[in-house]
Protein backbone atom coordinates (compact mmCIF):
# COMPACT_ATOMS: atom_id res chain seq x y z
CA MET A 1 43.14 -0.30 23.18
CA PHE A 2 40.05 0.47 25.28
CA LYS A 3 40.48 0.77 29.04
CA LEU A 4 37.89 -1.13 31.07
CA LEU A 5 37.62 -1.25 34.85
CA VAL A 6 35.80 -4.32 36.20
CA LEU A 7 34.35 -4.54 39.71
CA CYS A 8 32.99 -7.91 40.81
CA GLY A 9 32.13 -9.94 43.88
CA PRO A 10 29.17 -11.41 45.76
CA THR A 11 25.78 -9.83 46.27
CA ALA A 12 25.31 -7.14 48.95
CA ILE A 13 29.02 -6.44 49.34
CA GLY A 14 28.90 -2.87 47.99
CA LYS A 15 30.09 -3.16 44.37
CA THR A 16 27.83 -0.46 42.93
CA ASP A 17 28.55 1.98 45.74
CA LEU A 18 32.28 1.56 45.10
CA ALA A 19 31.71 1.92 41.34
CA PHE A 20 29.96 5.27 41.78
CA TYR A 21 32.81 6.44 44.03
CA LEU A 22 35.48 5.45 41.49
CA ALA A 23 33.50 6.88 38.59
CA LYS A 24 33.62 10.31 40.21
CA LYS A 25 37.35 10.00 40.82
CA LEU A 26 38.17 8.68 37.34
CA ASN A 27 35.52 10.41 35.20
CA GLY A 28 33.73 7.17 34.47
CA GLU A 29 30.32 5.75 33.67
CA LEU A 30 28.89 2.47 34.93
CA ILE A 31 27.59 -0.56 33.05
CA SER A 32 25.67 -3.05 35.16
CA ALA A 33 26.69 -6.70 34.79
CA ASP A 34 23.71 -8.12 36.68
CA SER A 35 21.38 -10.58 34.96
CA ARG A 36 18.54 -9.65 37.33
CA GLN A 37 18.65 -5.90 36.74
CA VAL A 38 18.11 -6.02 32.97
CA TYR A 39 14.36 -6.44 33.59
CA LYS A 40 11.95 -3.55 33.85
CA TYR A 41 9.64 -3.22 36.89
CA MET A 42 11.89 -5.47 38.99
CA ASP A 43 13.52 -2.61 40.86
CA ILE A 44 13.34 -3.23 44.61
CA GLY A 45 13.95 -6.96 44.54
CA THR A 46 17.02 -6.66 42.31
CA GLY A 47 18.44 -3.63 44.14
CA LYS A 48 18.80 -1.17 41.27
CA ASP A 49 20.90 1.73 42.50
CA TRP A 50 20.78 4.89 40.39
CA GLY A 51 23.17 6.83 42.62
CA ASP A 52 22.80 10.59 42.98
CA GLY A 53 22.28 11.22 39.28
CA ILE A 54 25.75 12.68 38.70
CA VAL A 55 27.24 9.45 37.31
CA LYS A 56 25.38 7.55 34.61
CA ILE A 57 24.69 3.83 34.95
CA TRP A 58 23.67 1.73 31.96
CA GLY A 59 22.24 -1.80 31.76
CA TYR A 60 19.08 -1.45 33.82
CA ASP A 61 15.59 -1.97 32.35
CA LEU A 62 16.64 -3.38 28.99
CA VAL A 63 13.63 -5.70 28.51
CA ARG A 64 10.25 -6.53 30.02
CA PRO A 65 10.12 -9.41 32.54
CA ASP A 66 8.26 -11.59 30.05
CA GLU A 67 10.84 -11.13 27.29
CA PRO A 68 13.82 -13.47 26.81
CA PHE A 69 17.30 -12.13 27.49
CA SER A 70 20.47 -14.11 26.90
CA VAL A 71 24.20 -13.61 27.33
CA LYS A 72 24.28 -12.83 23.60
CA ASN A 73 21.72 -10.07 24.16
CA TYR A 74 23.88 -8.69 26.94
CA ILE A 75 27.01 -8.68 24.77
CA ASP A 76 25.11 -6.96 21.95
CA PHE A 77 24.23 -4.22 24.45
CA ALA A 78 27.43 -3.99 26.50
CA LEU A 79 30.19 -3.91 23.86
CA PRO A 80 28.81 -0.94 21.89
CA LYS A 81 28.07 0.86 25.17
CA ILE A 82 31.66 0.39 26.37
CA GLU A 83 32.95 1.81 23.08
CA GLU A 84 30.49 4.70 23.24
CA ILE A 85 31.60 5.67 26.75
CA GLN A 86 35.26 5.46 25.76
CA LYS A 87 34.72 7.65 22.70
CA ARG A 88 33.19 10.29 24.94
CA GLY A 89 36.47 10.42 26.82
CA LYS A 90 35.22 8.58 29.88
CA LEU A 91 36.22 5.35 31.62
CA PRO A 92 33.75 2.44 31.26
CA ILE A 93 33.29 0.64 34.59
CA LEU A 94 31.70 -2.81 34.36
CA VAL A 95 30.17 -3.64 37.73
CA GLY A 96 28.14 -6.63 38.87
CA GLY A 97 27.94 -10.14 40.15
CA THR A 98 26.94 -12.08 37.05
CA GLY A 99 30.21 -13.79 36.26
CA LEU A 100 29.09 -15.12 32.90
CA TYR A 101 28.31 -11.61 31.64
CA ILE A 102 31.74 -10.37 32.71
CA LYS A 103 33.52 -13.38 31.20
CA ALA A 104 31.64 -12.94 27.92
CA VAL A 105 32.74 -9.30 27.69
CA LEU A 106 36.38 -10.01 28.50
CA ASP A 107 37.00 -13.42 26.92
CA GLY A 108 34.12 -14.23 24.61
CA LEU A 109 32.10 -17.44 24.72
CA GLU A 110 31.97 -20.13 22.07
CA THR A 111 28.27 -20.64 22.81
CA LEU A 112 27.18 -17.07 22.08
CA ASP A 113 26.45 -17.68 18.42
CA ILE A 114 24.44 -20.88 18.95
CA PRO A 115 20.82 -19.78 18.37
CA PRO A 116 17.87 -21.16 20.35
CA ASN A 117 16.35 -24.36 18.98
CA TYR A 118 12.72 -23.83 19.92
CA PHE A 119 11.53 -27.18 18.59
CA LEU A 120 14.12 -29.00 20.69
CA ARG A 121 13.28 -26.86 23.73
CA LYS A 122 9.59 -27.70 23.42
CA GLU A 123 10.38 -31.42 23.38
CA LEU A 124 12.84 -31.19 26.28
CA GLU A 125 10.40 -29.21 28.42
CA LYS A 126 8.39 -32.44 28.77
CA GLN A 127 11.31 -34.14 30.53
CA SER A 128 12.17 -34.01 34.24
CA THR A 129 15.49 -32.58 35.43
CA THR A 130 16.66 -36.15 36.13
CA GLU A 131 15.90 -37.18 32.56
CA LEU A 132 17.50 -34.02 31.17
CA LEU A 133 20.69 -34.65 33.13
CA LYS A 134 20.80 -38.20 31.75
CA ILE A 135 20.49 -36.86 28.20
CA LEU A 136 23.26 -34.33 28.83
CA LYS A 137 25.54 -37.04 30.25
CA GLU A 138 25.14 -39.02 27.02
CA LEU A 139 25.79 -35.97 24.81
CA ASN A 140 28.48 -34.24 26.84
CA PRO A 141 29.76 -36.13 29.90
CA GLN A 142 32.35 -33.45 30.67
CA LYS A 143 29.73 -30.69 30.80
CA ALA A 144 27.37 -32.83 32.90
CA THR A 145 30.11 -33.56 35.43
CA SER A 146 31.02 -29.87 35.73
CA LEU A 147 27.50 -28.79 36.76
CA ASN A 148 26.91 -27.79 40.36
CA ASP A 149 23.84 -28.85 42.37
CA SER A 150 21.92 -25.73 41.42
CA ASP A 151 22.51 -26.28 37.69
CA ARG A 152 21.46 -29.94 37.94
CA LYS A 153 18.10 -28.85 39.35
CA ASN A 154 17.59 -26.01 36.88
CA LYS A 155 15.58 -27.20 33.90
CA ARG A 156 16.27 -24.07 31.85
CA ARG A 157 20.05 -24.41 32.21
CA LEU A 158 19.98 -28.14 31.50
CA ILE A 159 17.98 -27.58 28.32
CA ARG A 160 20.41 -24.90 27.15
CA ALA A 161 23.37 -27.19 27.89
CA ILE A 162 21.75 -29.95 25.82
CA GLU A 163 20.97 -27.46 23.05
CA ILE A 164 24.61 -26.35 22.94
CA SER A 165 25.97 -29.90 23.13
CA ASN A 166 23.67 -30.91 20.29
CA SER A 167 24.96 -28.14 17.98
CA PRO A 168 28.08 -27.99 15.81
CA LYS A 169 30.91 -26.45 17.82
CA PRO A 170 31.42 -22.84 16.70
CA LYS A 171 34.54 -20.75 16.85
CA ILE A 172 34.93 -18.62 19.97
CA THR A 173 33.35 -15.24 19.37
CA THR A 174 36.08 -12.63 19.07
CA ILE A 175 35.77 -9.96 21.75
CA LYS A 176 37.54 -6.62 21.80
CA ASN A 177 41.02 -6.70 23.26
CA PHE A 178 40.54 -4.55 26.38
CA ASP A 179 43.21 -3.20 28.69
CA PHE A 180 41.27 -4.14 31.81
CA LEU A 181 41.77 -4.12 35.55
CA MET A 182 39.66 -6.56 37.59
CA ILE A 183 38.87 -5.70 41.20
CA GLY A 184 37.11 -8.22 43.43
CA LEU A 185 35.42 -7.44 46.75
CA ASN A 186 35.32 -10.01 49.52
CA LEU A 187 34.39 -10.34 53.20
CA LYS A 188 34.36 -13.00 55.87
CA LYS A 189 31.31 -15.23 55.50
CA GLU A 190 29.66 -14.24 58.78
CA LEU A 191 30.01 -10.53 57.96
CA LEU A 192 28.75 -11.02 54.40
CA ASP A 193 25.77 -12.98 55.74
CA GLN A 194 24.95 -10.00 57.99
CA LYS A 195 25.09 -7.65 55.02
CA ILE A 196 22.80 -9.94 53.02
CA GLU A 197 20.30 -10.06 55.89
CA GLN A 198 20.32 -6.27 56.14
CA ARG A 199 19.86 -5.95 52.37
CA VAL A 200 16.91 -8.36 52.25
CA ASN A 201 15.21 -6.62 55.18
CA GLN A 202 15.70 -3.21 53.56
CA ARG A 203 14.07 -4.41 50.37
CA LEU A 204 11.15 -5.96 52.22
CA ASN A 205 10.60 -2.69 54.07
CA ALA A 206 10.89 -0.66 50.85
CA GLY A 207 7.67 -2.10 49.38
CA PHE A 208 8.94 -5.25 47.74
CA GLU A 209 5.66 -7.15 48.20
CA LYS A 210 3.78 -4.44 46.27
CA GLU A 211 6.28 -4.80 43.45
CA ARG A 212 5.80 -8.56 43.51
CA GLN A 213 2.02 -8.25 43.31
CA PHE A 214 2.27 -5.70 40.49
CA LEU A 215 4.27 -8.18 38.40
CA LYS A 216 1.60 -10.82 38.98
CA ARG A 217 -1.25 -8.46 38.05
CA LYS A 218 0.49 -7.48 34.82
CA ASN A 219 1.00 -11.15 33.86
CA PHE A 220 4.78 -10.84 33.98
CA TRP A 221 5.14 -13.56 36.60
CA ALA A 222 5.71 -16.49 34.25
CA GLY A 223 8.81 -14.79 32.91
CA ALA A 224 11.85 -13.61 34.86
CA PRO A 225 10.15 -13.20 38.29
CA SER A 226 9.27 -16.89 38.54
CA ARG A 227 12.97 -17.83 38.42
CA THR A 228 14.54 -14.84 40.20
CA ILE A 229 15.70 -14.96 43.82
CA GLY A 230 13.35 -13.05 46.09
CA TYR A 231 10.46 -13.15 43.65
CA LYS A 232 10.23 -16.91 43.21
CA GLU A 233 9.02 -19.28 45.89
CA GLY A 234 11.35 -20.21 48.72
CA ASP A 235 13.23 -18.56 51.54
CA TRP A 236 14.74 -15.38 50.12
CA LEU A 237 17.48 -15.04 52.70
CA THR A 238 18.70 -18.62 52.28
CA GLN A 239 18.65 -18.35 48.49
CA GLU A 240 20.57 -15.07 48.57
CA LYS A 241 23.30 -16.54 50.78
CA GLN A 242 23.59 -19.58 48.53
CA TYR A 243 23.82 -17.27 45.52
CA ALA A 244 26.67 -15.32 47.15
CA LYS A 245 28.54 -18.59 47.70
CA ARG A 246 28.13 -19.55 44.03
CA GLN A 247 29.33 -16.11 42.93
CA LEU A 248 32.49 -16.37 45.01
CA THR A 249 33.16 -19.88 43.72
CA TRP A 250 32.95 -18.55 40.16
CA PHE A 251 35.10 -15.47 40.68
CA LYS A 252 37.77 -17.22 42.75
CA LYS A 253 38.64 -19.28 39.67
CA ASP A 254 39.71 -16.14 37.81
CA LYS A 255 43.31 -15.43 38.78
CA ARG A 256 43.25 -12.03 37.09
CA ILE A 257 41.12 -10.57 39.87
CA ILE A 258 42.84 -8.46 42.54
CA TRP A 259 40.92 -8.96 45.79
CA PHE A 260 40.15 -6.46 48.53
CA ASP A 261 38.53 -7.06 51.92
CA VAL A 262 35.80 -4.45 52.38
CA SER A 263 36.14 -4.65 56.17
CA SER A 264 39.47 -2.82 55.84
CA SER A 265 39.07 0.86 56.73
CA ASN A 266 41.16 2.01 53.76
CA PHE A 267 39.91 -0.38 51.10
CA LYS A 268 38.23 2.31 48.96
CA LYS A 269 41.30 4.52 48.92
CA ASN A 270 43.58 1.57 48.21
CA ILE A 271 41.43 0.55 45.25
CA GLU A 272 41.32 4.14 44.03
CA ASN A 273 45.12 4.37 44.14
CA LEU A 274 45.48 1.11 42.25
CA ALA A 275 42.96 2.20 39.62
CA GLN A 276 44.61 5.61 39.20
CA LEU A 277 48.00 4.01 38.50
CA TRP A 278 46.50 1.54 36.04
CA TYR A 279 44.54 4.29 34.29
CA LYS A 280 47.78 6.23 33.85
CA ASN A 281 49.29 3.17 32.12
CA LYS A 282 51.58 2.12 34.97
CA ASP A 283 51.87 -1.50 36.08
CA ALA A 284 49.16 -1.57 38.73
CA THR A 285 49.63 -5.28 39.45
CA LYS A 286 52.94 -4.65 41.22
CA ILE A 287 51.42 -2.50 43.96
């Protein structure tokens, strides 16, 4: 059974930094689980961190910003990469804040094998979000009720929900049976907000506006940038804080995650000790 270490949590909390640290301790390689970092040329705004070059990280720059990329695409990339890393005698470390990507790797999703219905999408694009939500309520009241405010205002997500609800229900895609350890990073809201503010300011000072203009000049804007936090219209800082809240809401539902407060002075060492015991096949959950 493949070992898989999973590091998750909200944006700006230090997941990738911790992943590089653990990879050096455990002879691992990283796989990004971030839906924003799969796009080429979107480097500063999405915070791609390549580390010092000693530890490899996979999952960046998979497609152009104007190309579609789905959870199915991510699974088709991530599962073979995990197996490849394991076969090289190293520990795969899945790190990121896109909960759906992580869930799809660990548990599978019954919607993965439902292909896009481009004719239906073209027709639905003509509808407003209010009209789309009404259609979804008629097709799948349970799904419509479960949507948060962000999803109800997101035309792309509403259309996909309708597309799925309008398709025959498939069997859940079988995913590899991993021996995994899930580590979650958390922090008090006011401290996390400070980290987010620092992160946004750093990216602005690192030449983000030039990156933004480059994407517009190259006609990539209508793709991923137009719907990605920081690139799209609106207050970046507010959107990033709201995103962090949604991430925590998602991850807190998963009772398999072992949480650590990053404000603790020994949190890195405590996580390392836990991971070492798990990697040596001991029962890490009892620590």
